[in-house]
Amino acid sequence: MTDCIFCKIARGEIPSRKVYEDEDILAFHDINPLAPVHFMIIPKVHVANLYDGDMSHQAVLGKILGKAGELARSQGLDDGFRLIVNTGRISHQEVYHLHVHILGGPEVLGPMLKR
C-alpha cells in the first residue's frame, strides 16, 4: 500500500521518533500518547491487521513480540507494560497497518477492562 501512513513512516517519508529499527520492524513513539510511555512496533511489510496476518508473517510477528520486552525496558518500563493489538472496527483500530502498542508508566494503566 503506497498511501498507508505507517508504510510511509516505515519508508522514512514521514518523520517519527524512532525507538528501534531493523530490516523487518520499526518501533516509534505514538504522536498522541495515552500513557507516559507509549510507542508502537510495526512490521515494515504491510499487513492490515491480525485478520490478514497468516503463517507467512510468523517470523515478523514473532520478532515484534520477541523485541517488545527489550524495547519497553529501553524506554524505562522496568516494572511492567501493556501490549495492545487492535484488530478491526469493533476494537477501534484507527490505522489499518498492523501495530502493537506498548504502554506503561507509574501506576497509570489500571485494570485491563472495566467489569
C-alpha atoms as a PDB file:
ATOM      1  CA  MET A   1       0.000   0.000   0.000  1.00  0.00           C
ATOM      2  CA  THR A   2       1.541   3.275  -1.022  1.00  0.00           C
ATOM      3  CA  ASP A   3      -0.832   5.633   0.820  1.00  0.00           C
ATOM      4  CA  CYS A   4      -0.736   3.879   4.231  1.00  0.00           C
ATOM      5  CA  ILE A   5       0.618   6.312   6.836  1.00  0.00           C
ATOM      6  CA  PHE A   6       2.585   3.605   8.664  1.00  0.00           C
ATOM      7  CA  CYS A   7       4.094   2.372   5.377  1.00  0.00           C
ATOM      8  CA  LYS A   8       5.206   5.973   4.738  1.00  0.00           C
ATOM      9  CA  ILE A   9       6.722   6.161   8.229  1.00  0.00           C
ATOM     10  CA  ALA A  10       8.498   2.828   7.657  1.00  0.00           C
ATOM     11  CA  ARG A  11       9.910   4.127   4.363  1.00  0.00           C
ATOM     12  CA  GLY A  12      11.109   7.343   6.035  1.00  0.00           C
ATOM     13  CA  GLU A  13       8.728   9.561   4.057  1.00  0.00           C
ATOM     14  CA  ILE A  14       7.096  10.803   7.275  1.00  0.00           C
ATOM     15  CA  PRO A  15       9.353  11.525  10.267  1.00  0.00           C
ATOM     16  CA  SER A  16       8.931   9.680  13.549  1.00  0.00           C
ATOM     17  CA  ARG A  17      10.617   9.481  16.929  1.00  0.00           C
ATOM     18  CA  LYS A  18      12.235   6.087  16.489  1.00  0.00           C
ATOM     19  CA  VAL A  19      12.754   3.680  19.347  1.00  0.00           C
ATOM     20  CA  TYR A  20      14.216   0.883  17.200  1.00  0.00           C
ATOM     21  CA  GLU A  21      14.560  -0.112  13.569  1.00  0.00           C
ATOM     22  CA  ASP A  22      15.918  -3.044  11.612  1.00  0.00           C
ATOM     23  CA  GLU A  23      15.171  -4.574   8.202  1.00  0.00           C
ATOM     24  CA  ASP A  24      11.856  -6.077   9.360  1.00  0.00           C
ATOM     25  CA  ILE A  25      10.322  -3.877  12.060  1.00  0.00           C
ATOM     26  CA  LEU A  26      10.122  -0.287  13.236  1.00  0.00           C
ATOM     27  CA  ALA A  27       9.271   0.980  16.717  1.00  0.00           C
ATOM     28  CA  PHE A  28       8.340   4.628  17.199  1.00  0.00           C
ATOM     29  CA  HIS A  29       6.622   6.862  19.742  1.00  0.00           C
ATOM     30  CA  ASP A  30       2.883   7.475  19.379  1.00  0.00           C
ATOM     31  CA  ILE A  31       2.115  11.081  18.420  1.00  0.00           C
ATOM     32  CA  ASN A  32      -0.882  11.097  20.799  1.00  0.00           C
ATOM     33  CA  PRO A  33       0.403   9.121  23.782  1.00  0.00           C
ATOM     34  CA  LEU A  34      -2.105   7.637  26.208  1.00  0.00           C
ATOM     35  CA  ALA A  35       0.492   6.897  28.908  1.00  0.00           C
ATOM     36  CA  PRO A  36       3.858   8.347  29.977  1.00  0.00           C
ATOM     37  CA  VAL A  37       5.480   5.763  27.697  1.00  0.00           C
ATOM     38  CA  HIS A  38       3.546   4.899  24.539  1.00  0.00           C
ATOM     39  CA  PHE A  39       5.206   3.588  21.418  1.00  0.00           C
ATOM     40  CA  MET A  40       4.266   1.207  18.635  1.00  0.00           C
ATOM     41  CA  ILE A  41       6.041  -1.616  16.871  1.00  0.00           C
ATOM     42  CA  ILE A  42       5.080  -2.269  13.257  1.00  0.00           C
ATOM     43  CA  PRO A  43       6.175  -4.715  10.597  1.00  0.00           C
ATOM     44  CA  LYS A  44       7.688  -2.914   7.624  1.00  0.00           C
ATOM     45  CA  VAL A  45       5.690  -5.152   5.307  1.00  0.00           C
ATOM     46  CA  HIS A  46       2.081  -4.004   5.027  1.00  0.00           C
ATOM     47  CA  VAL A  47      -0.334  -6.241   6.901  1.00  0.00           C
ATOM     48  CA  ALA A  48      -3.652  -4.529   7.647  1.00  0.00           C
ATOM     49  CA  ASN A  49      -4.306  -6.326  10.953  1.00  0.00           C
ATOM     50  CA  LEU A  50      -4.320  -9.748  12.574  1.00  0.00           C
ATOM     51  CA  TYR A  51      -7.205 -10.827  10.338  1.00  0.00           C
ATOM     52  CA  ASP A  52      -4.814 -10.522   7.391  1.00  0.00           C
ATOM     53  CA  GLY A  53      -1.820 -11.989   9.188  1.00  0.00           C
ATOM     54  CA  ASP A  54      -1.070 -15.618   8.464  1.00  0.00           C
ATOM     55  CA  MET A  55       1.737 -18.122   8.832  1.00  0.00           C
ATOM     56  CA  SER A  56       3.745 -16.310   6.151  1.00  0.00           C
ATOM     57  CA  HIS A  57       4.046 -13.451   8.690  1.00  0.00           C
ATOM     58  CA  GLN A  58       5.151 -15.726  11.535  1.00  0.00           C
ATOM     59  CA  ALA A  59       8.770 -14.527  11.617  1.00  0.00           C
ATOM     60  CA  VAL A  60       7.999 -10.809  11.697  1.00  0.00           C
ATOM     61  CA  LEU A  61       5.160 -11.193  14.223  1.00  0.00           C
ATOM     62  CA  GLY A  62       7.428 -13.296  16.413  1.00  0.00           C
ATOM     63  CA  LYS A  63      10.150 -10.681  16.123  1.00  0.00           C
ATOM     64  CA  ILE A  64       7.732  -7.946  17.241  1.00  0.00           C
ATOM     65  CA  LEU A  65       6.780  -9.925  20.353  1.00  0.00           C
ATOM     66  CA  GLY A  66      10.368 -11.002  20.927  1.00  0.00           C
ATOM     67  CA  LYS A  67      11.613  -7.391  20.933  1.00  0.00           C
ATOM     68  CA  ALA A  68       8.724  -5.942  22.989  1.00  0.00           C
ATOM     69  CA  GLY A  69      10.266  -6.524  26.429  1.00  0.00           C
ATOM     70  CA  GLU A  70      13.711  -5.278  25.437  1.00  0.00           C
ATOM     71  CA  LEU A  71      12.285  -2.126  23.855  1.00  0.00           C
ATOM     72  CA  ALA A  72       9.956  -1.498  26.814  1.00  0.00           C
ATOM     73  CA  ARG A  73      12.917  -1.688  29.190  1.00  0.00           C
ATOM     74  CA  SER A  74      14.906   0.641  26.940  1.00  0.00           C
ATOM     75  CA  GLN A  75      12.140   3.221  27.475  1.00  0.00           C
ATOM     76  CA  GLY A  76      12.248   2.867  31.264  1.00  0.00           C
ATOM     77  CA  LEU A  77       9.452   0.354  31.720  1.00  0.00           C
ATOM     78  CA  ASP A  78      11.168  -1.877  34.268  1.00  0.00           C
ATOM     79  CA  ASP A  79       8.046  -2.742  36.280  1.00  0.00           C
ATOM     80  CA  GLY A  80       5.712  -3.897  33.506  1.00  0.00           C
ATOM     81  CA  PHE A  81       3.882  -2.679  30.447  1.00  0.00           C
ATOM     82  CA  ARG A  82       0.734  -3.297  28.464  1.00  0.00           C
ATOM     83  CA  LEU A  83       0.793  -4.605  24.900  1.00  0.00           C
ATOM     84  CA  ILE A  84      -2.308  -3.903  22.791  1.00  0.00           C
ATOM     85  CA  VAL A  85      -3.119  -5.026  19.249  1.00  0.00           C
ATOM     86  CA  ASN A  86      -6.380  -3.577  17.962  1.00  0.00           C
ATOM     87  CA  THR A  87      -7.942  -5.538  15.112  1.00  0.00           C
ATOM     88  CA  GLY A  88     -10.852  -4.192  13.102  1.00  0.00           C
ATOM     89  CA  ARG A  89     -13.616  -1.675  13.595  1.00  0.00           C
ATOM     90  CA  ILE A  90     -15.020  -3.009  16.879  1.00  0.00           C
ATOM     91  CA  SER A  91     -11.601  -2.706  18.543  1.00  0.00           C
ATOM     92  CA  HIS A  92     -11.307   0.910  17.288  1.00  0.00           C
ATOM     93  CA  GLN A  93      -8.367   0.191  15.016  1.00  0.00           C
ATOM     94  CA  GLU A  94      -7.560   3.604  13.540  1.00  0.00           C
ATOM     95  CA  VAL A  95      -4.672   2.819  11.172  1.00  0.00           C
ATOM     96  CA  TYR A  96      -5.089  -0.305   9.072  1.00  0.00           C
ATOM     97  CA  HIS A  97      -1.454  -1.384   9.254  1.00  0.00           C
ATOM     98  CA  LEU A  98      -0.830  -3.928  11.982  1.00  0.00           C
ATOM     99  CA  HIS A  99       0.737  -2.248  15.001  1.00  0.00           C
ATOM    100  CA  VAL A 100       1.442  -3.264  18.557  1.00  0.00           C
ATOM    101  CA  HIS A 101       1.036  -0.556  21.190  1.00  0.00           C
ATOM    102  CA  ILE A 102       3.408  -0.660  24.171  1.00  0.00           C
ATOM    103  CA  LEU A 103       2.120   1.448  27.068  1.00  0.00           C
ATOM    104  CA  GLY A 104       3.375   1.964  30.585  1.00  0.00           C
ATOM    105  CA  GLY A 105       4.390   4.272  33.327  1.00  0.00           C
ATOM    106  CA  PRO A 106       3.987   4.540  37.052  1.00  0.00           C
ATOM    107  CA  GLU A 107       0.560   3.225  38.046  1.00  0.00           C
ATOM    108  CA  VAL A 108      -1.339   4.749  35.109  1.00  0.00           C
ATOM    109  CA  LEU A 109      -2.854   1.769  33.362  1.00  0.00           C
ATOM    110  CA  GLY A 110      -5.426   0.413  35.791  1.00  0.00           C
ATOM    111  CA  PRO A 111      -7.234  -2.871  35.148  1.00  0.00           C
ATOM    112  CA  MET A 112      -7.317  -4.296  31.659  1.00  0.00           C
ATOM    113  CA  LEU A 113     -11.068  -3.806  31.194  1.00  0.00           C
ATOM    114  CA  LYS A 114     -13.778  -2.428  33.415  1.00  0.00           C
ATOM    115  CA  ARG A 115     -16.135  -5.162  34.549  1.00  0.00           C
END
